[in-house]
């Protein structure tokens, strides 16, 4: 969480909807 915040991103942030796609 510290790494996330050091990048200026909120603590609740998740990379999944920016970098991942799940095809069912």
PDBML (XML) file of the C-alpha atoms, coordinates in Angstrom:
<?xml version="1.0" encoding="UTF-8" ?>
<PDBx:datablock datablockName="MODEL"
   xmlns:PDBx="http://pdbml.pdb.org/schema/pdbx-v50.xsd"
   xmlns:xsi="http://www.w3.org/2001/XMLSchema-instance"
   xsi:schemaLocation="http://pdbml.pdb.org/schema/pdbx-v50.xsd pdbx-v50.xsd">
   <PDBx:atom_siteCategory>
      <PDBx:atom_site id="1">
         <PDBx:B_iso_or_equiv>0.00</PDBx:B_iso_or_equiv>
         <PDBx:Cartn_x>0.000</PDBx:Cartn_x>
         <PDBx:Cartn_y>0.000</PDBx:Cartn_y>
         <PDBx:Cartn_z>0.000</PDBx:Cartn_z>
         <PDBx:auth_asym_id>A</PDBx:auth_asym_id>
         <PDBx:auth_atom_id>CA</PDBx:auth_atom_id>
         <PDBx:auth_comp_id>UNK</PDBx:auth_comp_id>
         <PDBx:auth_seq_id>1</PDBx:auth_seq_id>
         <PDBx:group_PDB>ATOM</PDBx:group_PDB>
         <PDBx:label_alt_id xsi:nil="true" />
         <PDBx:label_asym_id>A</PDBx:label_asym_id>
         <PDBx:label_atom_id>CA</PDBx:label_atom_id>
         <PDBx:label_comp_id>UNK</PDBx:label_comp_id>
         <PDBx:label_entity_id>1</PDBx:label_entity_id>
         <PDBx:label_seq_id>1</PDBx:label_seq_id>
         <PDBx:occupancy>1.00</PDBx:occupancy>
         <PDBx:pdbx_PDB_model_num>1</PDBx:pdbx_PDB_model_num>
         <PDBx:type_symbol>C</PDBx:type_symbol>
      </PDBx:atom_site>
      <PDBx:atom_site id="2">
         <PDBx:B_iso_or_equiv>0.00</PDBx:B_iso_or_equiv>
         <PDBx:Cartn_x>2.941</PDBx:Cartn_x>
         <PDBx:Cartn_y>2.330</PDBx:Cartn_y>
         <PDBx:Cartn_z>0.693</PDBx:Cartn_z>
         <PDBx:auth_asym_id>A</PDBx:auth_asym_id>
         <PDBx:auth_atom_id>CA</PDBx:auth_atom_id>
         <PDBx:auth_comp_id>UNK</PDBx:auth_comp_id>
         <PDBx:auth_seq_id>2</PDBx:auth_seq_id>
         <PDBx:group_PDB>ATOM</PDBx:group_PDB>
         <PDBx:label_alt_id xsi:nil="true" />
         <PDBx:label_asym_id>A</PDBx:label_asym_id>
         <PDBx:label_atom_id>CA</PDBx:label_atom_id>
         <PDBx:label_comp_id>UNK</PDBx:label_comp_id>
         <PDBx:label_entity_id>1</PDBx:label_entity_id>
         <PDBx:label_seq_id>2</PDBx:label_seq_id>
         <PDBx:occupancy>1.00</PDBx:occupancy>
         <PDBx:pdbx_PDB_model_num>1</PDBx:pdbx_PDB_model_num>
         <PDBx:type_symbol>C</PDBx:type_symbol>
      </PDBx:atom_site>
      <PDBx:atom_site id="3">
         <PDBx:B_iso_or_equiv>0.00</PDBx:B_iso_or_equiv>
         <PDBx:Cartn_x>4.279</PDBx:Cartn_x>
         <PDBx:Cartn_y>1.763</PDBx:Cartn_y>
         <PDBx:Cartn_z>-2.831</PDBx:Cartn_z>
         <PDBx:auth_asym_id>A</PDBx:auth_asym_id>
         <PDBx:auth_atom_id>CA</PDBx:auth_atom_id>
         <PDBx:auth_comp_id>UNK</PDBx:auth_comp_id>
         <PDBx:auth_seq_id>3</PDBx:auth_seq_id>
         <PDBx:group_PDB>ATOM</PDBx:group_PDB>
         <PDBx:label_alt_id xsi:nil="true" />
         <PDBx:label_asym_id>A</PDBx:label_asym_id>
         <PDBx:label_atom_id>CA</PDBx:label_atom_id>
         <PDBx:label_comp_id>UNK</PDBx:label_comp_id>
         <PDBx:label_entity_id>1</PDBx:label_entity_id>
         <PDBx:label_seq_id>3</PDBx:label_seq_id>
         <PDBx:occupancy>1.00</PDBx:occupancy>
         <PDBx:pdbx_PDB_model_num>1</PDBx:pdbx_PDB_model_num>
         <PDBx:type_symbol>C</PDBx:type_symbol>
      </PDBx:atom_site>
      <PDBx:atom_site id="4">
         <PDBx:B_iso_or_equiv>0.00</PDBx:B_iso_or_equiv>
         <PDBx:Cartn_x>0.871</PDBx:Cartn_x>
         <PDBx:Cartn_y>2.581</PDBx:Cartn_y>
         <PDBx:Cartn_z>-4.265</PDBx:Cartn_z>
         <PDBx:auth_asym_id>A</PDBx:auth_asym_id>
         <PDBx:auth_atom_id>CA</PDBx:auth_atom_id>
         <PDBx:auth_comp_id>UNK</PDBx:auth_comp_id>
         <PDBx:auth_seq_id>4</PDBx:auth_seq_id>
         <PDBx:group_PDB>ATOM</PDBx:group_PDB>
         <PDBx:label_alt_id xsi:nil="true" />
         <PDBx:label_asym_id>A</PDBx:label_asym_id>
         <PDBx:label_atom_id>CA</PDBx:label_atom_id>
         <PDBx:label_comp_id>UNK</PDBx:label_comp_id>
         <PDBx:label_entity_id>1</PDBx:label_entity_id>
         <PDBx:label_seq_id>4</PDBx:label_seq_id>
         <PDBx:occupancy>1.00</PDBx:occupancy>
         <PDBx:pdbx_PDB_model_num>1</PDBx:pdbx_PDB_model_num>
         <PDBx:type_symbol>C</PDBx:type_symbol>
      </PDBx:atom_site>
      <PDBx:atom_site id="5">
         <PDBx:B_iso_or_equiv>0.00</PDBx:B_iso_or_equiv>
         <PDBx:Cartn_x>0.635</PDBx:Cartn_x>
         <PDBx:Cartn_y>5.814</PDBx:Cartn_y>
         <PDBx:Cartn_z>-2.297</PDBx:Cartn_z>
         <PDBx:auth_asym_id>A</PDBx:auth_asym_id>
         <PDBx:auth_atom_id>CA</PDBx:auth_atom_id>
         <PDBx:auth_comp_id>UNK</PDBx:auth_comp_id>
         <PDBx:auth_seq_id>5</PDBx:auth_seq_id>
         <PDBx:group_PDB>ATOM</PDBx:group_PDB>
         <PDBx:label_alt_id xsi:nil="true" />
         <PDBx:label_asym_id>A</PDBx:label_asym_id>
         <PDBx:label_atom_id>CA</PDBx:label_atom_id>
         <PDBx:label_comp_id>UNK</PDBx:label_comp_id>
         <PDBx:label_entity_id>1</PDBx:label_entity_id>
         <PDBx:label_seq_id>5</PDBx:label_seq_id>
         <PDBx:occupancy>1.00</PDBx:occupancy>
         <PDBx:pdbx_PDB_model_num>1</PDBx:pdbx_PDB_model_num>
         <PDBx:type_symbol>C</PDBx:type_symbol>
      </PDBx:atom_site>
      <PDBx:atom_site id="6">
         <PDBx:B_iso_or_equiv>0.00</PDBx:B_iso_or_equiv>
         <PDBx:Cartn_x>4.225</PDBx:Cartn_x>
         <PDBx:Cartn_y>6.791</PDBx:Cartn_y>
         <PDBx:Cartn_z>-3.111</PDBx:Cartn_z>
         <PDBx:auth_asym_id>A</PDBx:auth_asym_id>
         <PDBx:auth_atom_id>CA</PDBx:auth_atom_id>
         <PDBx:auth_comp_id>UNK</PDBx:auth_comp_id>
         <PDBx:auth_seq_id>6</PDBx:auth_seq_id>
         <PDBx:group_PDB>ATOM</PDBx:group_PDB>
         <PDBx:label_alt_id xsi:nil="true" />
         <PDBx:label_asym_id>A</PDBx:label_asym_id>
         <PDBx:label_atom_id>CA</PDBx:label_atom_id>
         <PDBx:label_comp_id>UNK</PDBx:label_comp_id>
         <PDBx:label_entity_id>1</PDBx:label_entity_id>
         <PDBx:label_seq_id>6</PDBx:label_seq_id>
         <PDBx:occupancy>1.00</PDBx:occupancy>
         <PDBx:pdbx_PDB_model_num>1</PDBx:pdbx_PDB_model_num>
         <PDBx:type_symbol>C</PDBx:type_symbol>
      </PDBx:atom_site>
      <PDBx:atom_site id="7">
         <PDBx:B_iso_or_equiv>0.00</PDBx:B_iso_or_equiv>
         <PDBx:Cartn_x>3.174</PDBx:Cartn_x>
         <PDBx:Cartn_y>6.765</PDBx:Cartn_y>
         <PDBx:Cartn_z>-6.765</PDBx:Cartn_z>
         <PDBx:auth_asym_id>A</PDBx:auth_asym_id>
         <PDBx:auth_atom_id>CA</PDBx:auth_atom_id>
         <PDBx:auth_comp_id>UNK</PDBx:auth_comp_id>
         <PDBx:auth_seq_id>7</PDBx:auth_seq_id>
         <PDBx:group_PDB>ATOM</PDBx:group_PDB>
         <PDBx:label_alt_id xsi:nil="true" />
         <PDBx:label_asym_id>A</PDBx:label_asym_id>
         <PDBx:label_atom_id>CA</PDBx:label_atom_id>
         <PDBx:label_comp_id>UNK</PDBx:label_comp_id>
         <PDBx:label_entity_id>1</PDBx:label_entity_id>
         <PDBx:label_seq_id>7</PDBx:label_seq_id>
         <PDBx:occupancy>1.00</PDBx:occupancy>
         <PDBx:pdbx_PDB_model_num>1</PDBx:pdbx_PDB_model_num>
         <PDBx:type_symbol>C</PDBx:type_symbol>
      </PDBx:atom_site>
      <PDBx:atom_site id="8">
         <PDBx:B_iso_or_equiv>0.00</PDBx:B_iso_or_equiv>
         <PDBx:Cartn_x>0.423</PDBx:Cartn_x>
         <PDBx:Cartn_y>9.253</PDBx:Cartn_y>
         <PDBx:Cartn_z>-5.938</PDBx:Cartn_z>
         <PDBx:auth_asym_id>A</PDBx:auth_asym_id>
         <PDBx:auth_atom_id>CA</PDBx:auth_atom_id>
         <PDBx:auth_comp_id>UNK</PDBx:auth_comp_id>
         <PDBx:auth_seq_id>8</PDBx:auth_seq_id>
         <PDBx:group_PDB>ATOM</PDBx:group_PDB>
         <PDBx:label_alt_id xsi:nil="true" />
         <PDBx:label_asym_id>A</PDBx:label_asym_id>
         <PDBx:label_atom_id>CA</PDBx:label_atom_id>
         <PDBx:label_comp_id>UNK</PDBx:label_comp_id>
         <PDBx:label_entity_id>1</PDBx:label_entity_id>
         <PDBx:label_seq_id>8</PDBx:label_seq_id>
         <PDBx:occupancy>1.00</PDBx:occupancy>
         <PDBx:pdbx_PDB_model_num>1</PDBx:pdbx_PDB_model_num>
         <PDBx:type_symbol>C</PDBx:type_symbol>
      </PDBx:atom_site>
      <PDBx:atom_site id="9">
         <PDBx:B_iso_or_equiv>0.00</PDBx:B_iso_or_equiv>
         <PDBx:Cartn_x>-2.346</PDBx:Cartn_x>
         <PDBx:Cartn_y>6.667</PDBx:Cartn_y>
         <PDBx:Cartn_z>-6.273</PDBx:Cartn_z>
         <PDBx:auth_asym_id>A</PDBx:auth_asym_id>
         <PDBx:auth_atom_id>CA</PDBx:auth_atom_id>
         <PDBx:auth_comp_id>UNK</PDBx:auth_comp_id>
         <PDBx:auth_seq_id>9</PDBx:auth_seq_id>
         <PDBx:group_PDB>ATOM</PDBx:group_PDB>
         <PDBx:label_alt_id xsi:nil="true" />
         <PDBx:label_asym_id>A</PDBx:label_asym_id>
         <PDBx:label_atom_id>CA</PDBx:label_atom_id>
         <PDBx:label_comp_id>UNK</PDBx:label_comp_id>
         <PDBx:label_entity_id>1</PDBx:label_entity_id>
         <PDBx:label_seq_id>9</PDBx:label_seq_id>
         <PDBx:occupancy>1.00</PDBx:occupancy>
         <PDBx:pdbx_PDB_model_num>1</PDBx:pdbx_PDB_model_num>
         <PDBx:type_symbol>C</PDBx:type_symbol>
      </PDBx:atom_site>
      <PDBx:atom_site id="10">
         <PDBx:B_iso_or_equiv>0.00</PDBx:B_iso_or_equiv>
         <PDBx:Cartn_x>-5.105</PDBx:Cartn_x>
         <PDBx:Cartn_y>6.235</PDBx:Cartn_y>
         <PDBx:Cartn_z>-3.673</PDBx:Cartn_z>
         <PDBx:auth_asym_id>A</PDBx:auth_asym_id>
         <PDBx:auth_atom_id>CA</PDBx:auth_atom_id>
         <PDBx:auth_comp_id>UNK</PDBx:auth_comp_id>
         <PDBx:auth_seq_id>10</PDBx:auth_seq_id>
         <PDBx:group_PDB>ATOM</PDBx:group_PDB>
         <PDBx:label_alt_id xsi:nil="true" />
         <PDBx:label_asym_id>A</PDBx:label_asym_id>
         <PDBx:label_atom_id>CA</PDBx:label_atom_id>
         <PDBx:label_comp_id>UNK</PDBx:label_comp_id>
         <PDBx:label_entity_id>1</PDBx:label_entity_id>
         <PDBx:label_seq_id>10</PDBx:label_seq_id>
         <PDBx:occupancy>1.00</PDBx:occupancy>
         <PDBx:pdbx_PDB_model_num>1</PDBx:pdbx_PDB_model_num>
         <PDBx:type_symbol>C</PDBx:type_symbol>
      </PDBx:atom_site>
      <PDBx:atom_site id="11">
         <PDBx:B_iso_or_equiv>0.00</PDBx:B_iso_or_equiv>
         <PDBx:Cartn_x>-4.750</PDBx:Cartn_x>
         <PDBx:Cartn_y>3.477</PDBx:Cartn_y>
         <PDBx:Cartn_z>-1.071</PDBx:Cartn_z>
         <PDBx:auth_asym_id>A</PDBx:auth_asym_id>
         <PDBx:auth_atom_id>CA</PDBx:auth_atom_id>
         <PDBx:auth_comp_id>UNK</PDBx:auth_comp_id>
         <PDBx:auth_seq_id>11</PDBx:auth_seq_id>
         <PDBx:group_PDB>ATOM</PDBx:group_PDB>
         <PDBx:label_alt_id xsi:nil="true" />
         <PDBx:label_asym_id>A</PDBx:label_asym_id>
         <PDBx:label_atom_id>CA</PDBx:label_atom_id>
         <PDBx:label_comp_id>UNK</PDBx:label_comp_id>
         <PDBx:label_entity_id>1</PDBx:label_entity_id>
         <PDBx:label_seq_id>11</PDBx:label_seq_id>
         <PDBx:occupancy>1.00</PDBx:occupancy>
         <PDBx:pdbx_PDB_model_num>1</PDBx:pdbx_PDB_model_num>
         <PDBx:type_symbol>C</PDBx:type_symbol>
      </PDBx:atom_site>
      <PDBx:atom_site id="12">
         <PDBx:B_iso_or_equiv>0.00</PDBx:B_iso_or_equiv>
         <PDBx:Cartn_x>-7.844</PDBx:Cartn_x>
         <PDBx:Cartn_y>1.695</PDBx:Cartn_y>
         <PDBx:Cartn_z>-2.478</PDBx:Cartn_z>
         <PDBx:auth_asym_id>A</PDBx:auth_asym_id>
         <PDBx:auth_atom_id>CA</PDBx:auth_atom_id>
         <PDBx:auth_comp_id>UNK</PDBx:auth_comp_id>
         <PDBx:auth_seq_id>12</PDBx:auth_seq_id>
         <PDBx:group_PDB>ATOM</PDBx:group_PDB>
         <PDBx:label_alt_id xsi:nil="true" />
         <PDBx:label_asym_id>A</PDBx:label_asym_id>
         <PDBx:label_atom_id>CA</PDBx:label_atom_id>
         <PDBx:label_comp_id>UNK</PDBx:label_comp_id>
         <PDBx:label_entity_id>1</PDBx:label_entity_id>
         <PDBx:label_seq_id>12</PDBx:label_seq_id>
         <PDBx:occupancy>1.00</PDBx:occupancy>
         <PDBx:pdbx_PDB_model_num>1</PDBx:pdbx_PDB_model_num>
         <PDBx:type_symbol>C</PDBx:type_symbol>
      </PDBx:atom_site>
      <PDBx:atom_site id="13">
         <PDBx:B_iso_or_equiv>0.00</PDBx:B_iso_or_equiv>
         <PDBx:Cartn_x>-6.425</PDBx:Cartn_x>
         <PDBx:Cartn_y>1.607</PDBx:Cartn_y>
         <PDBx:Cartn_z>-6.009</PDBx:Cartn_z>
         <PDBx:auth_asym_id>A</PDBx:auth_asym_id>
         <PDBx:auth_atom_id>CA</PDBx:auth_atom_id>
         <PDBx:auth_comp_id>UNK</PDBx:auth_comp_id>
         <PDBx:auth_seq_id>13</PDBx:auth_seq_id>
         <PDBx:group_PDB>ATOM</PDBx:group_PDB>
         <PDBx:label_alt_id xsi:nil="true" />
         <PDBx:label_asym_id>A</PDBx:label_asym_id>
         <PDBx:label_atom_id>CA</PDBx:label_atom_id>
         <PDBx:label_comp_id>UNK</PDBx:label_comp_id>
         <PDBx:label_entity_id>1</PDBx:label_entity_id>
         <PDBx:label_seq_id>13</PDBx:label_seq_id>
         <PDBx:occupancy>1.00</PDBx:occupancy>
         <PDBx:pdbx_PDB_model_num>1</PDBx:pdbx_PDB_model_num>
         <PDBx:type_symbol>C</PDBx:type_symbol>
      </PDBx:atom_site>
      <PDBx:atom_site id="14">
         <PDBx:B_iso_or_equiv>0.00</PDBx:B_iso_or_equiv>
         <PDBx:Cartn_x>-6.341</PDBx:Cartn_x>
         <PDBx:Cartn_y>-1.578</PDBx:Cartn_y>
         <PDBx:Cartn_z>-8.092</PDBx:Cartn_z>
         <PDBx:auth_asym_id>A</PDBx:auth_asym_id>
         <PDBx:auth_atom_id>CA</PDBx:auth_atom_id>
         <PDBx:auth_comp_id>UNK</PDBx:auth_comp_id>
         <PDBx:auth_seq_id>14</PDBx:auth_seq_id>
         <PDBx:group_PDB>ATOM</PDBx:group_PDB>
         <PDBx:label_alt_id xsi:nil="true" />
         <PDBx:label_asym_id>A</PDBx:label_asym_id>
         <PDBx:label_atom_id>CA</PDBx:label_atom_id>
         <PDBx:label_comp_id>UNK</PDBx:label_comp_id>
         <PDBx:label_entity_id>1</PDBx:label_entity_id>
         <PDBx:label_seq_id>14</PDBx:label_seq_id>
         <PDBx:occupancy>1.00</PDBx:occupancy>
         <PDBx:pdbx_PDB_model_num>1</PDBx:pdbx_PDB_model_num>
         <PDBx:type_symbol>C</PDBx:type_symbol>
      </PDBx:atom_site>
      <PDBx:atom_site id="15">
         <PDBx:B_iso_or_equiv>0.00</PDBx:B_iso_or_equiv>
         <PDBx:Cartn_x>-4.437</PDBx:Cartn_x>
         <PDBx:Cartn_y>-2.042</PDBx:Cartn_y>
         <PDBx:Cartn_z>-11.352</PDBx:Cartn_z>
         <PDBx:auth_asym_id>A</PDBx:auth_asym_id>
         <PDBx:auth_atom_id>CA</PDBx:auth_atom_id>
         <PDBx:auth_comp_id>UNK</PDBx:auth_comp_id>
         <PDBx:auth_seq_id>15</PDBx:auth_seq_id>
         <PDBx:group_PDB>ATOM</PDBx:group_PDB>
         <PDBx:label_alt_id xsi:nil="true" />
         <PDBx:label_asym_id>A</PDBx:label_asym_id>
         <PDBx:label_atom_id>CA</PDBx:label_atom_id>
         <PDBx:label_comp_id>UNK</PDBx:label_comp_id>
         <PDBx:label_entity_id>1</PDBx:label_entity_id>
         <PDBx:label_seq_id>15</PDBx:label_seq_id>
         <PDBx:occupancy>1.00</PDBx:occupancy>
         <PDBx:pdbx_PDB_model_num>1</PDBx:pdbx_PDB_model_num>
         <PDBx:type_symbol>C</PDBx:type_symbol>
      </PDBx:atom_site>
      <PDBx:atom_site id="16">
         <PDBx:B_iso_or_equiv>0.00</PDBx:B_iso_or_equiv>
         <PDBx:Cartn_x>-6.723</PDBx:Cartn_x>
         <PDBx:Cartn_y>-4.834</PDBx:Cartn_y>
         <PDBx:Cartn_z>-12.598</PDBx:Cartn_z>
         <PDBx:auth_asym_id>A</PDBx:auth_asym_id>
         <PDBx:auth_atom_id>CA</PDBx:auth_atom_id>
         <PDBx:auth_comp_id>UNK</PDBx:auth_comp_id>
         <PDBx:auth_seq_id>16</PDBx:auth_seq_id>
         <PDBx:group_PDB>ATOM</PDBx:group_PDB>
         <PDBx:label_alt_id xsi:nil="true" />
         <PDBx:label_asym_id>A</PDBx:label_asym_id>
         <PDBx:label_atom_id>CA</PDBx:label_atom_id>
         <PDBx:label_comp_id>UNK</PDBx:label_comp_id>
         <PDBx:label_entity_id>1</PDBx:label_entity_id>
         <PDBx:label_seq_id>16</PDBx:label_seq_id>
         <PDBx:occupancy>1.00</PDBx:occupancy>
         <PDBx:pdbx_PDB_model_num>1</PDBx:pdbx_PDB_model_num>
         <PDBx:type_symbol>C</PDBx:type_symbol>
      </PDBx:atom_site>
      <PDBx:atom_site id="17">
         <PDBx:B_iso_or_equiv>0.00</PDBx:B_iso_or_equiv>
         <PDBx:Cartn_x>-9.260</PDBx:Cartn_x>
         <PDBx:Cartn_y>-2.682</PDBx:Cartn_y>
         <PDBx:Cartn_z>-14.540</PDBx:Cartn_z>
         <PDBx:auth_asym_id>A</PDBx:auth_asym_id>
         <PDBx:auth_atom_id>CA</PDBx:auth_atom_id>
         <PDBx:auth_comp_id>UNK</PDBx:auth_comp_id>
         <PDBx:auth_seq_id>17</PDBx:auth_seq_id>
         <PDBx:group_PDB>ATOM</PDBx:group_PDB>
         <PDBx:label_alt_id xsi:nil="true" />
         <PDBx:label_asym_id>A</PDBx:label_asym_id>
         <PDBx:label_atom_id>CA</PDBx:label_atom_id>
         <PDBx:label_comp_id>UNK</PDBx:label_comp_id>
         <PDBx:label_entity_id>1</PDBx:label_entity_id>
         <PDBx:label_seq_id>17</PDBx:label_seq_id>
         <PDBx:occupancy>1.00</PDBx:occupancy>
         <PDBx:pdbx_PDB_model_num>1</PDBx:pdbx_PDB_model_num>
         <PDBx:type_symbol>C</PDBx:type_symbol>
      </PDBx:atom_site>
      <PDBx:atom_site id="18">
         <PDBx:B_iso_or_equiv>0.00</PDBx:B_iso_or_equiv>
         <PDBx:Cartn_x>-6.355</PDBx:Cartn_x>
         <PDBx:Cartn_y>-0.900</PDBx:Cartn_y>
         <PDBx:Cartn_z>-16.274</PDBx:Cartn_z>
         <PDBx:auth_asym_id>A</PDBx:auth_asym_id>
         <PDBx:auth_atom_id>CA</PDBx:auth_atom_id>
         <PDBx:auth_comp_id>UNK</PDBx:auth_comp_id>
         <PDBx:auth_seq_id>18</PDBx:auth_seq_id>
         <PDBx:group_PDB>ATOM</PDBx:group_PDB>
         <PDBx:label_alt_id xsi:nil="true" />
         <PDBx:label_asym_id>A</PDBx:label_asym_id>
         <PDBx:label_atom_id>CA</PDBx:label_atom_id>
         <PDBx:label_comp_id>UNK</PDBx:label_comp_id>
         <PDBx:label_entity_id>1</PDBx:label_entity_id>
         <PDBx:label_seq_id>18</PDBx:label_seq_id>
         <PDBx:occupancy>1.00</PDBx:occupancy>
         <PDBx:pdbx_PDB_model_num>1</PDBx:pdbx_PDB_model_num>
         <PDBx:type_symbol>C</PDBx:type_symbol>
      </PDBx:atom_site>
      <PDBx:atom_site id="19">
         <PDBx:B_iso_or_equiv>0.00</PDBx:B_iso_or_equiv>
         <PDBx:Cartn_x>-4.055</PDBx:Cartn_x>
         <PDBx:Cartn_y>-3.814</PDBx:Cartn_y>
         <PDBx:Cartn_z>-17.087</PDBx:Cartn_z>
         <PDBx:auth_asym_id>A</PDBx:auth_asym_id>
         <PDBx:auth_atom_id>CA</PDBx:auth_atom_id>
         <PDBx:auth_comp_id>UNK</PDBx:auth_comp_id>
         <PDBx:auth_seq_id>19</PDBx:auth_seq_id>
         <PDBx:group_PDB>ATOM</PDBx:group_PDB>
         <PDBx:label_alt_id xsi:nil="true" />
         <PDBx:label_asym_id>A</PDBx:label_asym_id>
         <PDBx:label_atom_id>CA</PDBx:label_atom_id>
         <PDBx:label_comp_id>UNK</PDBx:label_comp_id>
         <PDBx:label_entity_id>1</PDBx:label_entity_id>
         <PDBx:label_seq_id>19</PDBx:label_seq_id>
         <PDBx:occupancy>1.00</PDBx:occupancy>
         <PDBx:pdbx_PDB_model_num>1</PDBx:pdbx_PDB_model_num>
         <PDBx:type_symbol>C</PDBx:type_symbol>
      </PDBx:atom_site>
      <PDBx:atom_site id="20">
         <PDBx:B_iso_or_equiv>0.00</PDBx:B_iso_or_equiv>
         <PDBx:Cartn_x>-6.100</PDBx:Cartn_x>
         <PDBx:Cartn_y>-7.020</PDBx:Cartn_y>
         <PDBx:Cartn_z>-17.005</PDBx:Cartn_z>
         <PDBx:auth_asym_id>A</PDBx:auth_asym_id>
         <PDBx:auth_atom_id>CA</PDBx:auth_atom_id>
         <PDBx:auth_comp_id>UNK</PDBx:auth_comp_id>
         <PDBx:auth_seq_id>20</PDBx:auth_seq_id>
         <PDBx:group_PDB>ATOM</PDBx:group_PDB>
         <PDBx:label_alt_id xsi:nil="true" />
         <PDBx:label_asym_id>A</PDBx:label_asym_id>
         <PDBx:label_atom_id>CA</PDBx:label_atom_id>
         <PDBx:label_comp_id>UNK</PDBx:label_comp_id>
         <PDBx:label_entity_id>1</PDBx:label_entity_id>
         <PDBx:label_seq_id>20</PDBx:label_seq_id>
         <PDBx:occupancy>1.00</PDBx:occupancy>
         <PDBx:pdbx_PDB_model_num>1</PDBx:pdbx_PDB_model_num>
         <PDBx:type_symbol>C</PDBx:type_symbol>
      </PDBx:atom_site>
      <PDBx:atom_site id="21">
         <PDBx:B_iso_or_equiv>0.00</PDBx:B_iso_or_equiv>
         <PDBx:Cartn_x>-9.003</PDBx:Cartn_x>
         <PDBx:Cartn_y>-8.565</PDBx:Cartn_y>
         <PDBx:Cartn_z>-18.886</PDBx:Cartn_z>
         <PDBx:auth_asym_id>A</PDBx:auth_asym_id>
         <PDBx:auth_atom_id>CA</PDBx:auth_atom_id>
         <PDBx:auth_comp_id>UNK</PDBx:auth_comp_id>
         <PDBx:auth_seq_id>21</PDBx:auth_seq_id>
         <PDBx:group_PDB>ATOM</PDBx:group_PDB>
         <PDBx:label_alt_id xsi:nil="true" />
         <PDBx:label_asym_id>A</PDBx:label_asym_id>
         <PDBx:label_atom_id>CA</PDBx:label_atom_id>
         <PDBx:label_comp_id>UNK</PDBx:label_comp_id>
         <PDBx:label_entity_id>1</PDBx:label_entity_id>
         <PDBx:label_seq_id>21</PDBx:label_seq_id>
         <PDBx:occupancy>1.00</PDBx:occupancy>
         <PDBx:pdbx_PDB_model_num>1</PDBx:pdbx_PDB_model_num>
         <PDBx:type_symbol>C</PDBx:type_symbol>
      </PDBx:atom_site>
      <PDBx:atom_site id="22">
         <PDBx:B_iso_or_equiv>0.00</PDBx:B_iso_or_equiv>
         <PDBx:Cartn_x>-10.860</PDBx:Cartn_x>
         <PDBx:Cartn_y>-11.721</PDBx:Cartn_y>
         <PDBx:Cartn_z>-17.894</PDBx:Cartn_z>
         <PDBx:auth_asym_id>A</PDBx:auth_asym_id>
         <PDBx:auth_atom_id>CA</PDBx:auth_atom_id>
         <PDBx:auth_comp_id>UNK</PDBx:auth_comp_id>
         <PDBx:auth_seq_id>22</PDBx:auth_seq_id>
         <PDBx:group_PDB>ATOM</PDBx:group_PDB>
         <PDBx:label_alt_id xsi:nil="true" />
         <PDBx:label_asym_id>A</PDBx:label_asym_id>
         <PDBx:label_atom_id>CA</PDBx:label_atom_id>
         <PDBx:label_comp_id>UNK</PDBx:label_comp_id>
         <PDBx:label_entity_id>1</PDBx:label_entity_id>
         <PDBx:label_seq_id>22</PDBx:label_seq_id>
         <PDBx:occupancy>1.00</PDBx:occupancy>
         <PDBx:pdbx_PDB_model_num>1</PDBx:pdbx_PDB_model_num>
         <PDBx:type_symbol>C</PDBx:type_symbol>
      </PDBx:atom_site>
      <PDBx:atom_site id="23">
         <PDBx:B_iso_or_equiv>0.00</PDBx:B_iso_or_equiv>
         <PDBx:Cartn_x>-12.804</PDBx:Cartn_x>
         <PDBx:Cartn_y>-13.397</PDBx:Cartn_y>
         <PDBx:Cartn_z>-20.708</PDBx:Cartn_z>
         <PDBx:auth_asym_id>A</PDBx:auth_asym_id>
         <PDBx:auth_atom_id>CA</PDBx:auth_atom_id>
         <PDBx:auth_comp_id>UNK</PDBx:auth_comp_id>
         <PDBx:auth_seq_id>23</PDBx:auth_seq_id>
         <PDBx:group_PDB>ATOM</PDBx:group_PDB>
         <PDBx:label_alt_id xsi:nil="true" />
         <PDBx:label_asym_id>A</PDBx:label_asym_id>
         <PDBx:label_atom_id>CA</PDBx:label_atom_id>
         <PDBx:label_comp_id>UNK</PDBx:label_comp_id>
         <PDBx:label_entity_id>1</PDBx:label_entity_id>
         <PDBx:label_seq_id>23</PDBx:label_seq_id>
         <PDBx:occupancy>1.00</PDBx:occupancy>
         <PDBx:pdbx_PDB_model_num>1</PDBx:pdbx_PDB_model_num>
         <PDBx:type_symbol>C</PDBx:type_symbol>
      </PDBx:atom_site>
      <PDBx:atom_site id="24">
         <PDBx:B_iso_or_equiv>0.00</PDBx:B_iso_or_equiv>
         <PDBx:Cartn_x>-15.348</PDBx:Cartn_x>
         <PDBx:Cartn_y>-15.950</PDBx:Cartn_y>
         <PDBx:Cartn_z>-19.542</PDBx:Cartn_z>
         <PDBx:auth_asym_id>A</PDBx:auth_asym_id>
         <PDBx:auth_atom_id>CA</PDBx:auth_atom_id>
         <PDBx:auth_comp_id>UNK</PDBx:auth_comp_id>
         <PDBx:auth_seq_id>24</PDBx:auth_seq_id>
         <PDBx:group_PDB>ATOM</PDBx:group_PDB>
         <PDBx:label_alt_id xsi:nil="true" />
         <PDBx:label_asym_id>A</PDBx:label_asym_id>
         <PDBx:label_atom_id>CA</PDBx:label_atom_id>
         <PDBx:label_comp_id>UNK</PDBx:label_comp_id>
         <PDBx:label_entity_id>1</PDBx:label_entity_id>
         <PDBx:label_seq_id>24</PDBx:label_seq_id>
         <PDBx:occupancy>1.00</PDBx:occupancy>
         <PDBx:pdbx_PDB_model_num>1</PDBx:pdbx_PDB_model_num>
         <PDBx:type_symbol>C</PDBx:type_symbol>
      </PDBx:atom_site>
   </PDBx:atom_siteCategory>
</PDBx:datablock>
